[in-house]
């Protein structure tokens, strides 16, 4: 996966196109991510010990990884990520636009 938990991404297609958010959870086996405040859906919850009042909750649903792009901190634009090996044999992700290290 080209993005990971904690990255700031921008949605490139769908009903939330153009919105930015932080990745809360990644689901690599399903090729999906959960982004803070994006792709909200309503869930009807029966009362339980954890949620005694029950009701209709709004939760973030997973979105396909192909519909998001990493948002570079330096150039502040959506970009693809490449990889680079540093002198100490450490592999890092880099911005394809400006060359800034993403990790």
N, C-alpha and C. Protein backbone atom coordinates (compact mmCIF):
# COMPACT_ATOMS: atom_id res chain seq x y z
N UNK A 1 0.85 -1.19 0.00
CA UNK A 1 0.00 0.00 0.00
C UNK A 1 0.89 1.24 0.00
N UNK A 2 0.49 2.26 -0.76
CA UNK A 2 1.32 3.45 -0.89
C UNK A 2 1.10 4.45 0.25
N UNK A 3 0.05 4.27 1.05
CA UNK A 3 -0.18 5.13 2.20
C UNK A 3 -0.32 4.27 3.44
N UNK A 4 -0.12 4.88 4.61
CA UNK A 4 -0.23 4.12 5.84
C UNK A 4 -0.91 4.97 6.91
N UNK A 5 -1.17 4.37 8.06
CA UNK A 5 -1.88 5.03 9.15
C UNK A 5 -1.14 6.31 9.56
N UNK A 6 -1.90 7.39 9.71
CA UNK A 6 -1.33 8.66 10.12
C UNK A 6 -1.02 9.61 8.97
N UNK A 7 -1.02 9.13 7.74
CA UNK A 7 -0.77 9.99 6.57
C UNK A 7 -1.97 10.89 6.31
N UNK A 8 -1.70 12.09 5.81
CA UNK A 8 -2.75 13.00 5.36
C UNK A 8 -2.95 12.74 3.87
N UNK A 9 -4.20 12.45 3.48
CA UNK A 9 -4.50 12.13 2.09
C UNK A 9 -5.64 13.00 1.58
N UNK A 10 -5.78 13.03 0.26
CA UNK A 10 -6.88 13.74 -0.38
C UNK A 10 -7.65 12.72 -1.23
N UNK A 11 -8.99 12.83 -1.20
CA UNK A 11 -9.83 11.91 -1.95
C UNK A 11 -9.90 12.39 -3.39
N UNK A 12 -9.67 11.48 -4.35
CA UNK A 12 -9.61 11.86 -5.76
C UNK A 12 -10.89 11.55 -6.53
N UNK A 13 -11.76 10.71 -5.98
CA UNK A 13 -13.02 10.41 -6.67
C UNK A 13 -14.07 9.96 -5.67
N UNK A 14 -15.33 10.09 -6.09
CA UNK A 14 -16.44 9.71 -5.22
C UNK A 14 -17.17 10.90 -4.66
N UNK A 15 -18.07 10.66 -3.73
CA UNK A 15 -18.89 11.74 -3.20
C UNK A 15 -18.10 12.73 -2.35
N UNK A 16 -16.96 12.33 -1.82
CA UNK A 16 -16.13 13.20 -0.99
C UNK A 16 -14.90 13.71 -1.73
N UNK A 17 -14.99 13.81 -3.06
CA UNK A 17 -13.85 14.22 -3.88
C UNK A 17 -13.34 15.60 -3.44
N UNK A 18 -12.01 15.71 -3.27
CA UNK A 18 -11.38 16.97 -2.91
C UNK A 18 -11.21 17.17 -1.41
N UNK A 19 -11.79 16.32 -0.58
CA UNK A 19 -11.67 16.47 0.87
C UNK A 19 -10.38 15.85 1.35
N UNK A 20 -9.84 16.43 2.43
CA UNK A 20 -8.59 15.96 3.01
C UNK A 20 -8.88 15.33 4.36
N UNK A 21 -8.06 14.38 4.75
CA UNK A 21 -8.23 13.75 6.05
C UNK A 21 -7.04 12.88 6.41
N UNK A 22 -7.02 12.48 7.68
CA UNK A 22 -5.95 11.65 8.22
C UNK A 22 -6.41 10.20 8.22
N UNK A 23 -5.53 9.28 7.86
CA UNK A 23 -5.88 7.86 7.84
C UNK A 23 -5.91 7.34 9.27
N UNK A 24 -7.07 6.80 9.66
CA UNK A 24 -7.24 6.24 10.99
C UNK A 24 -6.86 4.77 11.03
N UNK A 25 -7.18 4.04 9.95
CA UNK A 25 -6.98 2.60 9.91
C UNK A 25 -6.72 2.18 8.49
N UNK A 26 -5.85 1.22 8.30
CA UNK A 26 -5.65 0.67 6.95
C UNK A 26 -6.02 -0.80 6.95
N UNK A 27 -6.66 -1.23 5.89
CA UNK A 27 -7.08 -2.62 5.73
C UNK A 27 -6.39 -3.18 4.48
N UNK A 28 -5.13 -3.62 4.59
CA UNK A 28 -4.37 -4.02 3.40
C UNK A 28 -4.94 -5.24 2.69
N UNK A 29 -5.57 -6.16 3.41
CA UNK A 29 -6.12 -7.33 2.75
C UNK A 29 -7.31 -6.99 1.86
N UNK A 30 -8.05 -5.91 2.21
CA UNK A 30 -9.19 -5.46 1.41
C UNK A 30 -8.83 -4.31 0.48
N UNK A 31 -7.59 -3.81 0.58
CA UNK A 31 -7.12 -2.65 -0.18
C UNK A 31 -7.99 -1.42 0.08
N UNK A 32 -8.28 -1.16 1.37
CA UNK A 32 -9.11 -0.03 1.77
C UNK A 32 -8.50 0.68 2.96
N UNK A 33 -8.90 1.95 3.15
CA UNK A 33 -8.47 2.73 4.30
C UNK A 33 -9.68 3.44 4.89
N UNK A 34 -9.60 3.74 6.20
CA UNK A 34 -10.63 4.52 6.88
C UNK A 34 -10.02 5.89 7.15
N UNK A 35 -10.69 6.94 6.66
CA UNK A 35 -10.17 8.30 6.77
C UNK A 35 -11.08 9.11 7.69
N UNK A 36 -10.46 9.93 8.51
CA UNK A 36 -11.18 10.74 9.49
C UNK A 36 -12.11 11.74 8.80
N UNK A 37 -13.42 11.62 9.07
CA UNK A 37 -14.40 12.56 8.55
C UNK A 37 -14.82 12.32 7.11
N UNK A 38 -14.35 11.26 6.47
CA UNK A 38 -14.65 10.98 5.06
C UNK A 38 -15.50 9.71 4.96
N UNK A 39 -16.42 9.69 3.98
CA UNK A 39 -17.28 8.54 3.70
C UNK A 39 -18.10 8.14 4.93
N UNK A 40 -18.78 9.12 5.51
CA UNK A 40 -19.60 8.88 6.69
C UNK A 40 -20.84 8.08 6.31
N UNK A 41 -21.21 7.13 7.15
CA UNK A 41 -22.44 6.38 6.95
C UNK A 41 -23.16 6.23 8.27
N UNK A 42 -24.45 5.97 8.20
CA UNK A 42 -25.25 5.83 9.41
C UNK A 42 -25.39 4.36 9.76
N UNK A 43 -25.23 4.06 11.03
CA UNK A 43 -25.35 2.70 11.52
C UNK A 43 -26.39 2.68 12.63
N UNK A 44 -27.39 1.82 12.50
CA UNK A 44 -28.42 1.68 13.53
C UNK A 44 -27.90 0.73 14.59
N UNK A 45 -27.76 1.24 15.81
CA UNK A 45 -27.15 0.48 16.90
C UNK A 45 -28.18 0.18 17.98
N UNK A 46 -28.35 -1.11 18.29
CA UNK A 46 -29.23 -1.49 19.39
C UNK A 46 -28.56 -1.13 20.71
N UNK A 47 -29.33 -0.85 21.75
CA UNK A 47 -28.72 -0.57 23.06
C UNK A 47 -27.89 -1.76 23.56
N UNK A 48 -26.74 -1.45 24.13
CA UNK A 48 -25.86 -2.47 24.70
C UNK A 48 -25.19 -1.87 25.92
N UNK A 49 -24.33 -2.63 26.56
CA UNK A 49 -23.63 -2.08 27.73
C UNK A 49 -22.68 -0.96 27.33
N UNK A 50 -22.05 -1.11 26.18
CA UNK A 50 -21.13 -0.07 25.71
C UNK A 50 -21.87 1.19 25.29
N UNK A 51 -23.03 1.01 24.63
CA UNK A 51 -23.85 2.15 24.18
C UNK A 51 -25.25 1.95 24.74
N UNK A 52 -25.50 2.40 25.99
CA UNK A 52 -26.79 2.10 26.63
C UNK A 52 -28.00 2.75 25.95
N UNK A 53 -27.84 3.89 25.30
CA UNK A 53 -28.98 4.55 24.68
C UNK A 53 -29.27 4.04 23.27
N UNK A 54 -28.29 3.39 22.63
CA UNK A 54 -28.48 2.92 21.25
C UNK A 54 -28.62 4.11 20.32
N UNK A 55 -29.38 3.93 19.22
CA UNK A 55 -29.65 5.03 18.31
C UNK A 55 -28.94 4.88 16.98
N UNK A 56 -28.90 5.99 16.23
CA UNK A 56 -28.28 6.02 14.91
C UNK A 56 -26.93 6.71 15.04
N UNK A 57 -25.87 5.99 14.74
CA UNK A 57 -24.50 6.52 14.85
C UNK A 57 -23.97 6.84 13.47
N UNK A 58 -23.10 7.84 13.39
CA UNK A 58 -22.42 8.14 12.13
C UNK A 58 -20.98 7.68 12.27
N UNK A 59 -20.59 6.74 11.41
CA UNK A 59 -19.23 6.21 11.46
C UNK A 59 -18.58 6.37 10.08
N UNK A 60 -17.24 6.34 10.08
CA UNK A 60 -16.50 6.42 8.83
C UNK A 60 -16.39 5.02 8.23
N UNK A 61 -16.80 4.87 6.99
CA UNK A 61 -16.71 3.59 6.29
C UNK A 61 -15.41 3.55 5.50
N UNK A 62 -14.90 2.35 5.22
CA UNK A 62 -13.66 2.24 4.43
C UNK A 62 -13.85 2.75 3.00
N UNK A 63 -12.77 3.28 2.44
CA UNK A 63 -12.77 3.77 1.06
C UNK A 63 -11.62 3.07 0.33
N UNK A 64 -11.80 2.80 -0.94
CA UNK A 64 -10.80 2.07 -1.71
C UNK A 64 -9.51 2.89 -1.80
N UNK A 65 -8.39 2.19 -1.71
CA UNK A 65 -7.09 2.84 -1.70
C UNK A 65 -6.78 3.55 -3.02
N UNK A 66 -7.41 3.10 -4.12
CA UNK A 66 -7.16 3.73 -5.41
C UNK A 66 -7.82 5.09 -5.52
N UNK A 67 -8.70 5.44 -4.59
CA UNK A 67 -9.41 6.71 -4.63
C UNK A 67 -8.78 7.78 -3.74
N UNK A 68 -7.58 7.53 -3.21
CA UNK A 68 -6.90 8.51 -2.38
C UNK A 68 -5.48 8.72 -2.87
N UNK A 69 -4.95 9.92 -2.62
CA UNK A 69 -3.56 10.23 -2.94
C UNK A 69 -2.91 10.89 -1.74
N UNK A 70 -1.64 10.61 -1.56
CA UNK A 70 -0.86 11.20 -0.47
C UNK A 70 -0.74 12.70 -0.68
N UNK A 71 -0.87 13.49 0.39
CA UNK A 71 -0.75 14.94 0.32
C UNK A 71 0.61 15.33 0.89
N UNK A 72 1.49 15.83 0.03
CA UNK A 72 2.86 16.19 0.44
C UNK A 72 2.82 17.39 1.39
N UNK A 73 3.62 17.32 2.45
CA UNK A 73 3.66 18.41 3.43
C UNK A 73 4.40 19.64 2.90
N UNK A 74 5.42 19.41 2.06
CA UNK A 74 6.24 20.51 1.56
C UNK A 74 5.55 21.26 0.42
N UNK A 75 5.14 20.52 -0.64
CA UNK A 75 4.54 21.19 -1.80
C UNK A 75 3.02 21.32 -1.66
N UNK A 76 2.42 20.68 -0.65
CA UNK A 76 0.99 20.79 -0.34
C UNK A 76 0.10 20.44 -1.54
N UNK A 77 0.52 19.43 -2.30
CA UNK A 77 -0.24 18.96 -3.46
C UNK A 77 -0.34 17.44 -3.39
N UNK A 78 -1.40 16.87 -4.00
CA UNK A 78 -1.47 15.41 -4.05
C UNK A 78 -0.38 14.87 -4.96
N UNK A 79 0.27 13.82 -4.51
CA UNK A 79 1.41 13.30 -5.25
C UNK A 79 1.51 11.79 -5.12
N UNK A 80 2.26 11.19 -6.04
CA UNK A 80 2.59 9.78 -5.92
C UNK A 80 3.83 9.66 -5.05
N UNK A 81 4.03 8.49 -4.48
CA UNK A 81 5.18 8.25 -3.64
C UNK A 81 6.12 7.25 -4.29
N UNK A 82 7.41 7.52 -4.18
CA UNK A 82 8.42 6.58 -4.64
C UNK A 82 9.23 6.14 -3.43
N UNK A 83 10.16 5.24 -3.65
CA UNK A 83 11.00 4.80 -2.54
C UNK A 83 12.46 5.10 -2.86
N UNK A 84 13.22 5.29 -1.81
CA UNK A 84 14.63 5.64 -1.95
C UNK A 84 15.39 4.97 -0.82
N UNK A 85 16.59 4.50 -1.10
CA UNK A 85 17.42 3.88 -0.07
C UNK A 85 18.46 4.90 0.36
N UNK A 86 18.52 5.16 1.66
CA UNK A 86 19.47 6.13 2.21
C UNK A 86 20.84 5.48 2.39
N UNK A 87 21.83 6.28 2.83
CA UNK A 87 23.20 5.79 3.01
C UNK A 87 23.28 4.67 4.05
N UNK A 88 22.41 4.71 5.07
CA UNK A 88 22.44 3.70 6.12
C UNK A 88 21.55 2.49 5.78
N UNK A 89 21.28 2.27 4.48
CA UNK A 89 20.47 1.15 3.97
C UNK A 89 19.04 1.16 4.51
N UNK A 90 18.52 2.33 4.82
CA UNK A 90 17.14 2.46 5.27
C UNK A 90 16.29 2.90 4.08
N UNK A 91 15.17 2.21 3.86
CA UNK A 91 14.27 2.53 2.74
C UNK A 91 13.22 3.52 3.23
N UNK A 92 13.05 4.64 2.51
CA UNK A 92 12.08 5.67 2.89
C UNK A 92 11.20 6.00 1.68
N UNK A 93 10.02 6.54 1.96
CA UNK A 93 9.13 7.00 0.90
C UNK A 93 9.43 8.45 0.59
N UNK A 94 9.43 8.81 -0.69
CA UNK A 94 9.72 10.18 -1.10
C UNK A 94 8.64 10.68 -2.05
N UNK A 95 8.42 12.00 -2.03
CA UNK A 95 7.47 12.66 -2.91
C UNK A 95 8.04 12.69 -4.32
N UNK A 96 7.22 12.33 -5.31
CA UNK A 96 7.68 12.32 -6.70
C UNK A 96 7.78 13.72 -7.28
N UNK A 97 7.06 14.70 -6.69
CA UNK A 97 7.09 16.07 -7.19
C UNK A 97 8.34 16.83 -6.73
N UNK A 98 8.54 16.83 -5.38
CA UNK A 98 9.61 17.69 -4.85
C UNK A 98 10.77 16.91 -4.23
N UNK A 99 10.64 15.59 -4.04
CA UNK A 99 11.72 14.80 -3.48
C UNK A 99 11.78 14.79 -1.96
N UNK A 100 10.79 15.39 -1.31
CA UNK A 100 10.74 15.43 0.16
C UNK A 100 10.50 14.03 0.71
N UNK A 101 11.18 13.71 1.83
CA UNK A 101 11.00 12.40 2.49
C UNK A 101 9.67 12.41 3.24
N UNK A 102 8.85 11.39 3.00
CA UNK A 102 7.50 11.33 3.57
C UNK A 102 7.49 10.69 4.96
N UNK A 103 8.47 9.85 5.26
CA UNK A 103 8.47 9.16 6.56
C UNK A 103 9.05 10.02 7.65
